[in-house]
C-alpha atoms as a PDB file:
ATOM      1  CA  UNK A   1      98.845  70.256  67.619  1.00  0.00           C
ATOM      2  CA  UNK A   2     101.059  67.207  67.465  1.00  0.00           C
ATOM      3  CA  UNK A   3     100.246  64.176  69.529  1.00  0.00           C
ATOM      4  CA  UNK A   4     101.947  64.171  72.927  1.00  0.00           C
ATOM      5  CA  UNK A   5     103.511  60.934  74.151  1.00  0.00           C
ATOM      6  CA  UNK A   6     104.794  59.714  77.479  1.00  0.00           C
ATOM      7  CA  UNK A   7     108.308  59.734  76.026  1.00  0.00           C
ATOM      8  CA  UNK A   8     107.951  63.473  75.304  1.00  0.00           C
ATOM      9  CA  UNK A   9     107.086  64.041  78.957  1.00  0.00           C
ATOM     10  CA  UNK A  10     109.846  61.773  80.271  1.00  0.00           C
ATOM     11  CA  UNK A  11     112.408  64.144  78.744  1.00  0.00           C
ATOM     12  CA  UNK A  12     111.236  66.649  81.363  1.00  0.00           C
ATOM     13  CA  UNK A  13     110.546  64.289  84.295  1.00  0.00           C
ATOM     14  CA  UNK A  14     112.813  61.724  85.956  1.00  0.00           C
ATOM     15  CA  UNK A  15     110.426  58.766  85.920  1.00  0.00           C
ATOM     16  CA  UNK A  16     106.838  57.716  85.272  1.00  0.00           C
ATOM     17  CA  UNK A  17     105.903  57.854  88.951  1.00  0.00           C
ATOM     18  CA  UNK A  18     106.906  61.521  89.148  1.00  0.00           C
ATOM     19  CA  UNK A  19     105.071  62.155  85.898  1.00  0.00           C
ATOM     20  CA  UNK A  20     101.826  60.722  87.276  1.00  0.00           C
ATOM     21  CA  UNK A  21     102.050  62.963  90.332  1.00  0.00           C
ATOM     22  CA  UNK A  22     102.880  66.046  88.279  1.00  0.00           C
ATOM     23  CA  UNK A  23     100.002  65.448  85.872  1.00  0.00           C
ATOM     24  CA  UNK A  24      97.541  64.820  88.703  1.00  0.00           C
ATOM     25  CA  UNK A  25      98.592  68.032  90.442  1.00  0.00           C
ATOM     26  CA  UNK A  26      98.342  70.064  87.244  1.00  0.00           C
ATOM     27  CA  UNK A  27      94.923  68.626  86.349  1.00  0.00           C
ATOM     28  CA  UNK A  28      93.647  69.680  89.781  1.00  0.00           C
ATOM     29  CA  UNK A  29      95.011  73.183  89.177  1.00  0.00           C
ATOM     30  CA  UNK A  30      93.373  73.369  85.745  1.00  0.00           C
ATOM     31  CA  UNK A  31      90.048  72.225  87.174  1.00  0.00           C
ATOM     32  CA  UNK A  32      90.321  74.986  89.771  1.00  0.00           C
ATOM     33  CA  UNK A  33      90.484  77.524  86.883  1.00  0.00           C
ATOM     34  CA  UNK A  34      94.268  77.868  86.586  1.00  0.00           C
ATOM     35  CA  UNK A  35      95.511  79.577  83.446  1.00  0.00           C
ATOM     36  CA  UNK A  36      96.604  77.291  80.590  1.00  0.00           C
ATOM     37  CA  UNK A  37     100.353  77.372  79.930  1.00  0.00           C
ATOM     38  CA  UNK A  38     100.134  76.156  76.339  1.00  0.00           C
ATOM     39  CA  UNK A  39      97.742  77.280  73.588  1.00  0.00           C
ATOM     40  CA  UNK A  40      94.043  76.669  73.792  1.00  0.00           C
ATOM     41  CA  UNK A  41      93.099  73.334  75.313  1.00  0.00           C
ATOM     42  CA  UNK A  42      92.184  70.556  72.919  1.00  0.00           C
ATOM     43  CA  UNK A  43      90.506  67.628  74.572  1.00  0.00           C
ATOM     44  CA  UNK A  44      90.595  66.719  78.209  1.00  0.00           C
ATOM     45  CA  UNK A  45      92.427  68.382  81.073  1.00  0.00           C
ATOM     46  CA  UNK A  46      94.884  65.498  81.365  1.00  0.00           C
ATOM     47  CA  UNK A  47      95.976  65.959  77.745  1.00  0.00           C
ATOM     48  CA  UNK A  48      96.519  69.666  78.356  1.00  0.00           C
ATOM     49  CA  UNK A  49      98.583  68.877  81.473  1.00  0.00           C
ATOM     50  CA  UNK A  50     100.707  66.385  79.515  1.00  0.00           C
ATOM     51  CA  UNK A  51     101.267  68.954  76.755  1.00  0.00           C
ATOM     52  CA  UNK A  52     102.359  71.542  79.313  1.00  0.00           C
ATOM     53  CA  UNK A  53     104.843  69.118  80.854  1.00  0.00           C
ATOM     54  CA  UNK A  54     106.190  67.983  77.482  1.00  0.00           C
ATOM     55  CA  UNK A  55     106.661  71.647  76.502  1.00  0.00           C
ATOM     56  CA  UNK A  56     108.693  72.255  79.665  1.00  0.00           C
ATOM     57  CA  UNK A  57     106.194  74.745  81.093  1.00  0.00           C
ATOM     58  CA  UNK A  58     105.944  72.914  84.431  1.00  0.00           C
ATOM     59  CA  UNK A  59     108.936  72.765  86.791  1.00  0.00           C
ATOM     60  CA  UNK A  60     108.623  69.273  88.235  1.00  0.00           C
ATOM     61  CA  UNK A  61     111.580  69.363  90.653  1.00  0.00           C
ATOM     62  CA  UNK A  62     110.134  72.281  92.637  1.00  0.00           C
ATOM     63  CA  UNK A  63     106.786  70.545  92.978  1.00  0.00           C
ATOM     64  CA  UNK A  64     108.382  67.314  94.211  1.00  0.00           C
ATOM     65  CA  UNK A  65     110.348  69.146  96.921  1.00  0.00           C
ATOM     66  CA  UNK A  66     107.160  70.984  97.998  1.00  0.00           C
ATOM     67  CA  UNK A  67     105.409  67.621  98.428  1.00  0.00           C
ATOM     68  CA  UNK A  68     108.159  66.360 100.731  1.00  0.00           C
ATOM     69  CA  UNK A  69     108.126  69.562 102.807  1.00  0.00           C
ATOM     70  CA  UNK A  70     104.343  69.363 103.317  1.00  0.00           C
ATOM     71  CA  UNK A  71     104.518  65.871 104.889  1.00  0.00           C
END
């Protein structure tokens, strides 16, 4: 699989701060045995989470609004 970059992810996310939060949330989900949204994982969980975001498999806006509602 091609190398994922921050720029690939920023096409899906508004800013780097939101990206960090989205990746952290997704890594926690993966570590709690969530199903992978892109092919088989290659490398660490954070790389898989970044690939999922870059592929547009994660809806970031919904997750950000959930965070604000929880507080």
